[in-house]
All heavy atoms as atom14 arrays in JSON, in Angstrom:
{
  "sequence": "SLRLSCAASGRTFGSHAMGWFRQAPGKEREFVAAISGGGGTSYYADS",
  "atom14_mask": [
    [1, 1, 1, 1, 1, 1, 0, 0, 0, 0, 0, 0, 0, 0],
    [1, 1, 1, 1, 1, 1, 1, 1, 0, 0, 0, 0, 0, 0],
    [1, 1, 1, 1, 1, 1, 1, 1, 1, 1, 1, 0, 0, 0],
    [1, 1, 1, 1, 1, 1, 1, 1, 0, 0, 0, 0, 0, 0],
    [1, 1, 1, 1, 1, 1, 0, 0, 0, 0, 0, 0, 0, 0],
    [1, 1, 1, 1, 1, 1, 0, 0, 0, 0, 0, 0, 0, 0],
    [1, 1, 1, 1, 1, 0, 0, 0, 0, 0, 0, 0, 0, 0],
    [1, 1, 1, 1, 1, 0, 0, 0, 0, 0, 0, 0, 0, 0],
    [1, 1, 1, 1, 1, 1, 0, 0, 0, 0, 0, 0, 0, 0],
    [1, 1, 1, 1, 0, 0, 0, 0, 0, 0, 0, 0, 0, 0],
    [1, 1, 1, 1, 1, 1, 1, 1, 1, 1, 1, 0, 0, 0],
    [1, 1, 1, 1, 1, 1, 1, 0, 0, 0, 0, 0, 0, 0],
    [1, 1, 1, 1, 1, 1, 1, 1, 1, 1, 1, 0, 0, 0],
    [1, 1, 1, 1, 0, 0, 0, 0, 0, 0, 0, 0, 0, 0],
    [1, 1, 1, 1, 1, 1, 0, 0, 0, 0, 0, 0, 0, 0],
    [1, 1, 1, 1, 1, 1, 1, 1, 1, 1, 0, 0, 0, 0],
    [1, 1, 1, 1, 1, 0, 0, 0, 0, 0, 0, 0, 0, 0],
    [1, 1, 1, 1, 1, 1, 1, 1, 0, 0, 0, 0, 0, 0],
    [1, 1, 1, 1, 0, 0, 0, 0, 0, 0, 0, 0, 0, 0],
    [1, 1, 1, 1, 1, 1, 1, 1, 1, 1, 1, 1, 1, 1],
    [1, 1, 1, 1, 1, 1, 1, 1, 1, 1, 1, 0, 0, 0],
    [1, 1, 1, 1, 1, 1, 1, 1, 1, 1, 1, 0, 0, 0],
    [1, 1, 1, 1, 1, 1, 1, 1, 1, 0, 0, 0, 0, 0],
    [1, 1, 1, 1, 1, 0, 0, 0, 0, 0, 0, 0, 0, 0],
    [1, 1, 1, 1, 1, 1, 1, 0, 0, 0, 0, 0, 0, 0],
    [1, 1, 1, 1, 0, 0, 0, 0, 0, 0, 0, 0, 0, 0],
    [1, 1, 1, 1, 1, 1, 1, 1, 1, 0, 0, 0, 0, 0],
    [1, 1, 1, 1, 1, 1, 1, 1, 1, 0, 0, 0, 0, 0],
    [1, 1, 1, 1, 1, 1, 1, 1, 1, 1, 1, 0, 0, 0],
    [1, 1, 1, 1, 1, 1, 1, 1, 1, 0, 0, 0, 0, 0],
    [1, 1, 1, 1, 1, 1, 1, 1, 1, 1, 1, 0, 0, 0],
    [1, 1, 1, 1, 1, 1, 1, 0, 0, 0, 0, 0, 0, 0],
    [1, 1, 1, 1, 1, 0, 0, 0, 0, 0, 0, 0, 0, 0],
    [1, 1, 1, 1, 1, 0, 0, 0, 0, 0, 0, 0, 0, 0],
    [1, 1, 1, 1, 1, 1, 1, 1, 0, 0, 0, 0, 0, 0],
    [1, 1, 1, 1, 1, 1, 0, 0, 0, 0, 0, 0, 0, 0],
    [1, 1, 1, 1, 0, 0, 0, 0, 0, 0, 0, 0, 0, 0],
    [1, 1, 1, 1, 0, 0, 0, 0, 0, 0, 0, 0, 0, 0],
    [1, 1, 1, 1, 0, 0, 0, 0, 0, 0, 0, 0, 0, 0],
    [1, 1, 1, 1, 0, 0, 0, 0, 0, 0, 0, 0, 0, 0],
    [1, 1, 1, 1, 1, 1, 1, 0, 0, 0, 0, 0, 0, 0],
    [1, 1, 1, 1, 1, 1, 0, 0, 0, 0, 0, 0, 0, 0],
    [1, 1, 1, 1, 1, 1, 1, 1, 1, 1, 1, 1, 0, 0],
    [1, 1, 1, 1, 1, 1, 1, 1, 1, 1, 1, 1, 0, 0],
    [1, 1, 1, 1, 1, 0, 0, 0, 0, 0, 0, 0, 0, 0],
    [1, 1, 1, 1, 1, 1, 1, 1, 0, 0, 0, 0, 0, 0],
    [1, 1, 1, 1, 1, 1, 0, 0, 0, 0, 0, 0, 0, 0]
  ],
  "atom14_positions": [
    [[-13.94, 39.68, 10.87], [-14.7, 40.6, 10.03], [-16.2, 40.39, 10.2], [-16.65, 39.29, 10.55], [-14.34, 40.39, 8.55], [-12.97, 40.61, 8.32], [0.0, 0.0, 0.0], [0.0, 0.0, 0.0], [0.0, 0.0, 0.0], [0.0, 0.0, 0.0], [0.0, 0.0, 0.0], [0.0, 0.0, 0.0], [0.0, 0.0, 0.0], [0.0, 0.0, 0.0]],
    [[-16.93, 41.44, 9.94], [-18.39, 41.4, 9.9], [-18.87, 42.37, 8.84], [-18.21, 43.39, 8.59], [-19.0, 41.8, 11.25], [-19.07, 40.79, 12.39], [-19.62, 41.46, 13.64], [-19.91, 39.58, 12.01], [0.0, 0.0, 0.0], [0.0, 0.0, 0.0], [0.0, 0.0, 0.0], [0.0, 0.0, 0.0], [0.0, 0.0, 0.0], [0.0, 0.0, 0.0]],
    [[-20.01, 42.07, 8.26], [-20.65, 43.02, 7.36], [-22.03, 43.36, 7.89], [-22.88, 42.48, 8.01], [-20.76, 42.49, 5.94], [-21.23, 43.58, 4.96], [-21.31, 43.12, 3.52], [-22.51, 42.35, 3.25], [-23.02, 42.2, 2.02], [-22.44, 42.77, 0.98], [-24.1, 41.46, 1.85], [0.0, 0.0, 0.0], [0.0, 0.0, 0.0], [0.0, 0.0, 0.0]],
    [[-22.22, 44.62, 8.18], [-23.51, 45.1, 8.63], [-24.31, 45.58, 7.42], [-23.75, 46.13, 6.47], [-23.35, 46.25, 9.62], [-22.47, 45.98, 10.84], [-22.48, 47.2, 11.77], [-22.89, 44.73, 11.58], [0.0, 0.0, 0.0], [0.0, 0.0, 0.0], [0.0, 0.0, 0.0], [0.0, 0.0, 0.0], [0.0, 0.0, 0.0], [0.0, 0.0, 0.0]],
    [[-25.62, 45.38, 7.49], [-26.52, 45.84, 6.46], [-27.58, 46.75, 7.07], [-27.97, 46.56, 8.23], [-27.21, 44.66, 5.76], [-26.28, 43.8, 5.15], [0.0, 0.0, 0.0], [0.0, 0.0, 0.0], [0.0, 0.0, 0.0], [0.0, 0.0, 0.0], [0.0, 0.0, 0.0], [0.0, 0.0, 0.0], [0.0, 0.0, 0.0], [0.0, 0.0, 0.0]],
    [[-28.05, 47.68, 6.28], [-29.12, 48.58, 6.71], [-30.1, 48.7, 5.55], [-29.78, 49.32, 4.54], [-28.57, 49.94, 7.1], [-29.83, 51.2, 7.43], [0.0, 0.0, 0.0], [0.0, 0.0, 0.0], [0.0, 0.0, 0.0], [0.0, 0.0, 0.0], [0.0, 0.0, 0.0], [0.0, 0.0, 0.0], [0.0, 0.0, 0.0], [0.0, 0.0, 0.0]],
    [[-31.27, 48.1, 5.71], [-32.29, 48.15, 4.68], [-33.22, 49.32, 4.95], [-33.74, 49.47, 6.06], [-33.08, 46.84, 4.67], [0.0, 0.0, 0.0], [0.0, 0.0, 0.0], [0.0, 0.0, 0.0], [0.0, 0.0, 0.0], [0.0, 0.0, 0.0], [0.0, 0.0, 0.0], [0.0, 0.0, 0.0], [0.0, 0.0, 0.0], [0.0, 0.0, 0.0]],
    [[-33.41, 50.14, 3.92], [-34.22, 51.35, 4.07], [-35.5, 51.24, 3.28], [-35.51, 50.75, 2.14], [-33.43, 52.57, 3.6], [0.0, 0.0, 0.0], [0.0, 0.0, 0.0], [0.0, 0.0, 0.0], [0.0, 0.0, 0.0], [0.0, 0.0, 0.0], [0.0, 0.0, 0.0], [0.0, 0.0, 0.0], [0.0, 0.0, 0.0], [0.0, 0.0, 0.0]],
    [[-36.59, 51.69, 3.88], [-37.85, 51.79, 3.15], [-37.92, 53.17, 2.52], [-37.14, 54.06, 2.83], [-39.03, 51.57, 4.1], [-39.09, 52.62, 5.05], [0.0, 0.0, 0.0], [0.0, 0.0, 0.0], [0.0, 0.0, 0.0], [0.0, 0.0, 0.0], [0.0, 0.0, 0.0], [0.0, 0.0, 0.0], [0.0, 0.0, 0.0], [0.0, 0.0, 0.0]],
    [[-38.87, 53.36, 1.65], [-39.03, 54.68, 1.05], [-38.47, 54.76, -0.36], [-37.63, 53.94, -0.75], [0.0, 0.0, 0.0], [0.0, 0.0, 0.0], [0.0, 0.0, 0.0], [0.0, 0.0, 0.0], [0.0, 0.0, 0.0], [0.0, 0.0, 0.0], [0.0, 0.0, 0.0], [0.0, 0.0, 0.0], [0.0, 0.0, 0.0], [0.0, 0.0, 0.0]],
    [[-38.93, 55.77, -1.09], [-38.59, 55.88, -2.5], [-37.54, 56.94, -2.78], [-37.25, 57.22, -3.93], [-39.86, 56.19, -3.29], [-40.94, 55.13, -3.07], [-42.25, 55.51, -3.73], [-42.16, 55.5, -5.18], [-43.2, 55.75, -5.96], [-44.36, 56.04, -5.45], [-43.05, 55.72, -7.27], [0.0, 0.0, 0.0], [0.0, 0.0, 0.0], [0.0, 0.0, 0.0]],
    [[-36.98, 57.54, -1.75], [-35.99, 58.61, -1.96], [-34.62, 58.21, -1.44], [-33.82, 59.04, -1.06], [-36.45, 59.89, -1.26], [-36.55, 59.64, 0.16], [-37.77, 60.36, -1.79], [0.0, 0.0, 0.0], [0.0, 0.0, 0.0], [0.0, 0.0, 0.0], [0.0, 0.0, 0.0], [0.0, 0.0, 0.0], [0.0, 0.0, 0.0], [0.0, 0.0, 0.0]],
    [[-34.35, 56.92, -1.45], [-33.09, 56.41, -0.88], [-31.89, 57.09, -1.5], [-30.96, 57.52, -0.81], [-33.03, 54.9, -1.1], [-31.79, 54.24, -0.56], [-31.59, 54.13, 0.81], [-30.83, 53.73, -1.42], [-30.45, 53.53, 1.31], [-29.69, 53.11, -0.93], [-29.5, 53.01, 0.44], [0.0, 0.0, 0.0], [0.0, 0.0, 0.0], [0.0, 0.0, 0.0]],
    [[-31.88, 57.22, -2.81], [-30.74, 57.79, -3.5], [-30.57, 59.28, -3.31], [-29.55, 59.85, -3.72], [0.0, 0.0, 0.0], [0.0, 0.0, 0.0], [0.0, 0.0, 0.0], [0.0, 0.0, 0.0], [0.0, 0.0, 0.0], [0.0, 0.0, 0.0], [0.0, 0.0, 0.0], [0.0, 0.0, 0.0], [0.0, 0.0, 0.0], [0.0, 0.0, 0.0]],
    [[-31.53, 59.93, -2.69], [-31.47, 61.38, -2.49], [-30.86, 61.77, -1.15], [-30.82, 62.95, -0.8], [-32.89, 61.96, -2.57], [-33.44, 61.74, -3.84], [0.0, 0.0, 0.0], [0.0, 0.0, 0.0], [0.0, 0.0, 0.0], [0.0, 0.0, 0.0], [0.0, 0.0, 0.0], [0.0, 0.0, 0.0], [0.0, 0.0, 0.0], [0.0, 0.0, 0.0]],
    [[-30.41, 60.78, -0.42], [-29.89, 61.06, 0.91], [-28.56, 60.36, 1.15], [-28.39, 59.18, 0.81], [-30.87, 60.58, 1.97], [-32.17, 61.35, 1.97], [-32.36, 62.5, 2.72], [-33.32, 61.13, 1.29], [-33.57, 62.95, 2.51], [-34.18, 62.15, 1.65], [0.0, 0.0, 0.0], [0.0, 0.0, 0.0], [0.0, 0.0, 0.0], [0.0, 0.0, 0.0]],
    [[-27.66, 61.1, 1.76], [-26.46, 60.45, 2.29], [-26.87, 59.56, 3.46], [-27.91, 59.79, 4.1], [-25.45, 61.49, 2.76], [0.0, 0.0, 0.0], [0.0, 0.0, 0.0], [0.0, 0.0, 0.0], [0.0, 0.0, 0.0], [0.0, 0.0, 0.0], [0.0, 0.0, 0.0], [0.0, 0.0, 0.0], [0.0, 0.0, 0.0], [0.0, 0.0, 0.0]],
    [[-26.1, 58.55, 3.71], [-26.38, 57.62, 4.81], [-25.13, 57.48, 5.68], [-24.01, 57.58, 5.19], [-26.76, 56.25, 4.26], [-28.02, 56.23, 3.41], [-29.52, 56.55, 4.35], [-29.6, 55.08, 5.37], [0.0, 0.0, 0.0], [0.0, 0.0, 0.0], [0.0, 0.0, 0.0], [0.0, 0.0, 0.0], [0.0, 0.0, 0.0], [0.0, 0.0, 0.0]],
    [[-25.36, 57.23, 6.94], [-24.22, 57.12, 7.85], [-24.36, 55.95, 8.81], [-25.46, 55.42, 9.02], [0.0, 0.0, 0.0], [0.0, 0.0, 0.0], [0.0, 0.0, 0.0], [0.0, 0.0, 0.0], [0.0, 0.0, 0.0], [0.0, 0.0, 0.0], [0.0, 0.0, 0.0], [0.0, 0.0, 0.0], [0.0, 0.0, 0.0], [0.0, 0.0, 0.0]],
    [[-23.25, 55.57, 9.36], [-23.2, 54.58, 10.44], [-22.6, 55.25, 11.68], [-21.59, 55.94, 11.59], [-22.34, 53.38, 10.05], [-22.97, 52.43, 9.09], [-22.82, 52.41, 7.73], [-23.86, 51.35, 9.41], [-23.54, 51.39, 7.19], [-24.19, 50.71, 8.19], [-24.4, 50.84, 10.59], [-25.04, 49.61, 8.14], [-25.24, 49.75, 10.54], [-25.55, 49.15, 9.32]],
    [[-23.23, 54.99, 12.79], [-22.75, 55.47, 14.09], [-22.68, 54.27, 15.03], [-23.25, 53.22, 14.75], [-23.71, 56.51, 14.68], [-23.72, 57.82, 13.94], [-24.36, 57.95, 12.73], [-23.1, 58.93, 14.47], [-24.38, 59.16, 12.04], [-23.11, 60.15, 13.81], [-23.75, 60.26, 12.59], [0.0, 0.0, 0.0], [0.0, 0.0, 0.0], [0.0, 0.0, 0.0]],
    [[-22.0, 54.44, 16.15], [-21.97, 53.36, 17.14], [-21.97, 53.95, 18.54], [-21.59, 55.11, 18.75], [-20.74, 52.48, 16.94], [-19.4, 53.15, 17.22], [-18.24, 52.23, 16.85], [-16.95, 52.8, 17.18], [-15.79, 52.25, 16.85], [-15.76, 51.09, 16.17], [-14.66, 52.83, 17.17], [0.0, 0.0, 0.0], [0.0, 0.0, 0.0], [0.0, 0.0, 0.0]],
    [[-22.41, 53.15, 19.47], [-22.43, 53.57, 20.86], [-22.12, 52.39, 21.76], [-22.82, 51.37, 21.71], [-23.78, 54.18, 21.24], [-23.79, 54.79, 22.62], [-25.02, 55.65, 22.87], [-26.04, 55.51, 22.2], [-24.93, 56.56, 23.83], [0.0, 0.0, 0.0], [0.0, 0.0, 0.0], [0.0, 0.0, 0.0], [0.0, 0.0, 0.0], [0.0, 0.0, 0.0]],
    [[-21.08, 52.53, 22.54], [-20.7, 51.52, 23.51], [-21.32, 51.86, 24.86], [-21.61, 53.04, 25.13], [-19.19, 51.44, 23.62], [0.0, 0.0, 0.0], [0.0, 0.0, 0.0], [0.0, 0.0, 0.0], [0.0, 0.0, 0.0], [0.0, 0.0, 0.0], [0.0, 0.0, 0.0], [0.0, 0.0, 0.0], [0.0, 0.0, 0.0], [0.0, 0.0, 0.0]],
    [[-21.52, 50.88, 25.72], [-22.11, 51.16, 27.04], [-21.32, 52.21, 27.8], [-20.09, 52.11, 27.89], [-22.05, 49.8, 27.73], [-22.06, 48.81, 26.63], [-21.29, 49.44, 25.51], [0.0, 0.0, 0.0], [0.0, 0.0, 0.0], [0.0, 0.0, 0.0], [0.0, 0.0, 0.0], [0.0, 0.0, 0.0], [0.0, 0.0, 0.0], [0.0, 0.0, 0.0]],
    [[-22.01, 53.21, 28.33], [-21.37, 54.24, 29.11], [-20.63, 55.29, 28.3], [-19.98, 56.17, 28.88], [0.0, 0.0, 0.0], [0.0, 0.0, 0.0], [0.0, 0.0, 0.0], [0.0, 0.0, 0.0], [0.0, 0.0, 0.0], [0.0, 0.0, 0.0], [0.0, 0.0, 0.0], [0.0, 0.0, 0.0], [0.0, 0.0, 0.0], [0.0, 0.0, 0.0]],
    [[-20.72, 55.19, 26.99], [-20.02, 56.15, 26.13], [-21.0, 56.89, 25.24], [-22.11, 56.44, 25.01], [-18.96, 55.44, 25.28], [-17.84, 54.82, 26.08], [-16.75, 54.28, 25.17], [-15.59, 53.73, 25.97], [-14.5, 53.23, 25.08], [0.0, 0.0, 0.0], [0.0, 0.0, 0.0], [0.0, 0.0, 0.0], [0.0, 0.0, 0.0], [0.0, 0.0, 0.0]],
    [[-20.56, 58.01, 24.72], [-21.39, 58.77, 23.81], [-21.4, 58.11, 22.43], [-20.48, 57.41, 22.05], [-20.87, 60.21, 23.7], [-21.02, 61.01, 24.98], [-20.67, 62.47, 24.79], [-20.19, 62.82, 23.69], [-20.88, 63.25, 25.72], [0.0, 0.0, 0.0], [0.0, 0.0, 0.0], [0.0, 0.0, 0.0], [0.0, 0.0, 0.0], [0.0, 0.0, 0.0]],
    [[-22.45, 58.39, 21.71], [-22.54, 57.92, 20.33], [-21.42, 58.56, 19.52], [-21.11, 59.73, 19.67], [-23.89, 58.31, 19.74], [-24.14, 57.84, 18.33], [-25.5, 58.33, 17.87], [-25.54, 59.78, 17.77], [-26.66, 60.49, 17.72], [-27.82, 59.88, 17.76], [-26.62, 61.81, 17.63], [0.0, 0.0, 0.0], [0.0, 0.0, 0.0], [0.0, 0.0, 0.0]],
    [[-20.82, 57.76, 18.64], [-19.77, 58.31, 17.8], [-19.98, 57.93, 16.34], [-20.52, 56.86, 16.02], [-18.38, 57.83, 18.26], [-18.14, 56.35, 18.15], [-16.68, 55.98, 18.46], [-15.83, 56.88, 18.5], [-16.43, 54.78, 18.65], [0.0, 0.0, 0.0], [0.0, 0.0, 0.0], [0.0, 0.0, 0.0], [0.0, 0.0, 0.0], [0.0, 0.0, 0.0]],
    [[-19.55, 58.81, 15.49], [-19.65, 58.62, 14.05], [-18.65, 57.57, 13.59], [-17.53, 57.49, 14.11], [-19.37, 59.95, 13.36], [-19.2, 59.86, 11.87], [-20.29, 59.71, 11.05], [-17.93, 59.93, 11.31], [-20.13, 59.63, 9.67], [-17.76, 59.87, 9.95], [-18.86, 59.71, 9.12], [0.0, 0.0, 0.0], [0.0, 0.0, 0.0], [0.0, 0.0, 0.0]],
    [[-19.06, 56.78, 12.61], [-18.17, 55.76, 12.05], [-17.87, 56.05, 10.58], [-16.71, 56.14, 10.18], [-18.79, 54.35, 12.18], [-17.89, 53.31, 11.52], [-19.03, 54.0, 13.64], [0.0, 0.0, 0.0], [0.0, 0.0, 0.0], [0.0, 0.0, 0.0], [0.0, 0.0, 0.0], [0.0, 0.0, 0.0], [0.0, 0.0, 0.0], [0.0, 0.0, 0.0]],
    [[-18.92, 56.18, 9.76], [-18.71, 56.36, 8.33], [-19.98, 56.93, 7.71], [-21.07, 56.77, 8.25], [-18.34, 55.04, 7.65], [0.0, 0.0, 0.0], [0.0, 0.0, 0.0], [0.0, 0.0, 0.0], [0.0, 0.0, 0.0], [0.0, 0.0, 0.0], [0.0, 0.0, 0.0], [0.0, 0.0, 0.0], [0.0, 0.0, 0.0], [0.0, 0.0, 0.0]],
    [[-19.81, 57.56, 6.54], [-20.95, 58.08, 5.8], [-20.68, 57.94, 4.31], [-19.52, 57.88, 3.88], [-21.21, 59.55, 6.16], [0.0, 0.0, 0.0], [0.0, 0.0, 0.0], [0.0, 0.0, 0.0], [0.0, 0.0, 0.0], [0.0, 0.0, 0.0], [0.0, 0.0, 0.0], [0.0, 0.0, 0.0], [0.0, 0.0, 0.0], [0.0, 0.0, 0.0]],
    [[-21.76, 57.91, 3.53], [-21.63, 57.77, 2.1], [-22.67, 58.67, 1.44], [-23.79, 58.82, 1.94], [-21.8, 56.29, 1.67], [-21.47, 56.11, 0.19], [-23.19, 55.77, 2.01], [-21.32, 54.65, -0.21], [0.0, 0.0, 0.0], [0.0, 0.0, 0.0], [0.0, 0.0, 0.0], [0.0, 0.0, 0.0], [0.0, 0.0, 0.0], [0.0, 0.0, 0.0]],
    [[-22.31, 59.29, 0.32], [-23.22, 60.19, -0.37], [-24.37, 59.43, -1.02], [-24.34, 58.2, -1.14], [-22.45, 60.97, -1.45], [-21.91, 60.06, -2.4], [0.0, 0.0, 0.0], [0.0, 0.0, 0.0], [0.0, 0.0, 0.0], [0.0, 0.0, 0.0], [0.0, 0.0, 0.0], [0.0, 0.0, 0.0], [0.0, 0.0, 0.0], [0.0, 0.0, 0.0]],
    [[-25.38, 60.17, -1.44], [-26.56, 59.56, -2.01], [-26.26, 58.7, -3.23], [-26.88, 57.66, -3.43], [0.0, 0.0, 0.0], [0.0, 0.0, 0.0], [0.0, 0.0, 0.0], [0.0, 0.0, 0.0], [0.0, 0.0, 0.0], [0.0, 0.0, 0.0], [0.0, 0.0, 0.0], [0.0, 0.0, 0.0], [0.0, 0.0, 0.0], [0.0, 0.0, 0.0]],
    [[-25.33, 59.13, -4.05], [-24.98, 58.37, -5.23], [-23.91, 57.31, -4.99], [-23.62, 56.5, -5.87], [0.0, 0.0, 0.0], [0.0, 0.0, 0.0], [0.0, 0.0, 0.0], [0.0, 0.0, 0.0], [0.0, 0.0, 0.0], [0.0, 0.0, 0.0], [0.0, 0.0, 0.0], [0.0, 0.0, 0.0], [0.0, 0.0, 0.0], [0.0, 0.0, 0.0]],
    [[-23.34, 57.32, -3.82], [-22.33, 56.33, -3.46], [-20.92, 56.68, -3.89], [-19.99, 55.9, -3.65], [0.0, 0.0, 0.0], [0.0, 0.0, 0.0], [0.0, 0.0, 0.0], [0.0, 0.0, 0.0], [0.0, 0.0, 0.0], [0.0, 0.0, 0.0], [0.0, 0.0, 0.0], [0.0, 0.0, 0.0], [0.0, 0.0, 0.0], [0.0, 0.0, 0.0]],
    [[-20.73, 57.84, -4.5], [-19.41, 58.16, -5.02], [-18.45, 58.75, -4.02], [-17.24, 58.81, -4.27], [0.0, 0.0, 0.0], [0.0, 0.0, 0.0], [0.0, 0.0, 0.0], [0.0, 0.0, 0.0], [0.0, 0.0, 0.0], [0.0, 0.0, 0.0], [0.0, 0.0, 0.0], [0.0, 0.0, 0.0], [0.0, 0.0, 0.0], [0.0, 0.0, 0.0]],
    [[-18.97, 59.21, -2.89], [-18.13, 59.86, -1.89], [-18.39, 59.23, -0.53], [-19.54, 59.01, -0.16], [-18.45, 61.37, -1.82], [-18.29, 61.95, -3.13], [-17.5, 62.07, -0.85], [0.0, 0.0, 0.0], [0.0, 0.0, 0.0], [0.0, 0.0, 0.0], [0.0, 0.0, 0.0], [0.0, 0.0, 0.0], [0.0, 0.0, 0.0], [0.0, 0.0, 0.0]],
    [[-17.34, 58.97, 0.2], [-17.47, 58.42, 1.54], [-16.53, 59.14, 2.49], [-15.55, 59.77, 2.06], [-17.19, 56.92, 1.54], [-15.9, 56.65, 1.03], [0.0, 0.0, 0.0], [0.0, 0.0, 0.0], [0.0, 0.0, 0.0], [0.0, 0.0, 0.0], [0.0, 0.0, 0.0], [0.0, 0.0, 0.0], [0.0, 0.0, 0.0], [0.0, 0.0, 0.0]],
    [[-16.84, 59.05, 3.75], [-16.05, 59.73, 4.79], [-16.02, 58.83, 6.0], [-17.03, 58.22, 6.36], [-16.7, 61.07, 5.12], [-15.97, 61.86, 6.18], [-14.77, 62.49, 5.9], [-16.48, 61.97, 7.47], [-14.08, 63.2, 6.87], [-15.81, 62.68, 8.44], [-14.61, 63.29, 8.14], [-13.94, 63.98, 9.1], [0.0, 0.0, 0.0], [0.0, 0.0, 0.0]],
    [[-14.85, 58.76, 6.64], [-14.67, 57.83, 7.76], [-14.11, 58.54, 8.98], [-13.28, 59.46, 8.86], [-13.71, 56.7, 7.37], [-14.21, 55.82, 6.25], [-13.95, 56.13, 4.92], [-14.97, 54.68, 6.53], [-14.42, 55.33, 3.9], [-15.44, 53.87, 5.51], [-15.16, 54.2, 4.2], [-15.64, 53.39, 3.18], [0.0, 0.0, 0.0], [0.0, 0.0, 0.0]],
    [[-14.5, 58.05, 10.13], [-13.83, 58.44, 11.36], [-12.42, 57.87, 11.34], [-12.16, 56.85, 10.69], [-14.59, 57.91, 12.57], [0.0, 0.0, 0.0], [0.0, 0.0, 0.0], [0.0, 0.0, 0.0], [0.0, 0.0, 0.0], [0.0, 0.0, 0.0], [0.0, 0.0, 0.0], [0.0, 0.0, 0.0], [0.0, 0.0, 0.0], [0.0, 0.0, 0.0]],
    [[-11.51, 58.51, 12.04], [-10.13, 58.03, 12.07], [-10.06, 56.58, 12.55], [-9.23, 55.8, 12.07], [-9.28, 58.92, 12.97], [-9.0, 60.28, 12.35], [-9.19, 60.42, 11.12], [-8.61, 61.19, 13.1], [0.0, 0.0, 0.0], [0.0, 0.0, 0.0], [0.0, 0.0, 0.0], [0.0, 0.0, 0.0], [0.0, 0.0, 0.0], [0.0, 0.0, 0.0]],
    [[-10.93, 56.23, 13.47], [-10.91, 54.87, 14.03], [-11.32, 53.81, 13.01], [-11.04, 52.63, 13.2], [-11.84, 54.79, 15.24], [-13.17, 55.12, 14.88], [0.0, 0.0, 0.0], [0.0, 0.0, 0.0], [0.0, 0.0, 0.0], [0.0, 0.0, 0.0], [0.0, 0.0, 0.0], [0.0, 0.0, 0.0], [0.0, 0.0, 0.0], [0.0, 0.0, 0.0]]
  ]
}
């Protein structure tokens, strides 16, 4: 297991959904997960 963190600057953090993407060498960037601004809704790639 690993836990990734993403620290954001700015004062409008809660007004934006945030997402995680990944890219392996030689492959296209792919979506991993996203979360709504309030944190109540999330969405995941099948993987």
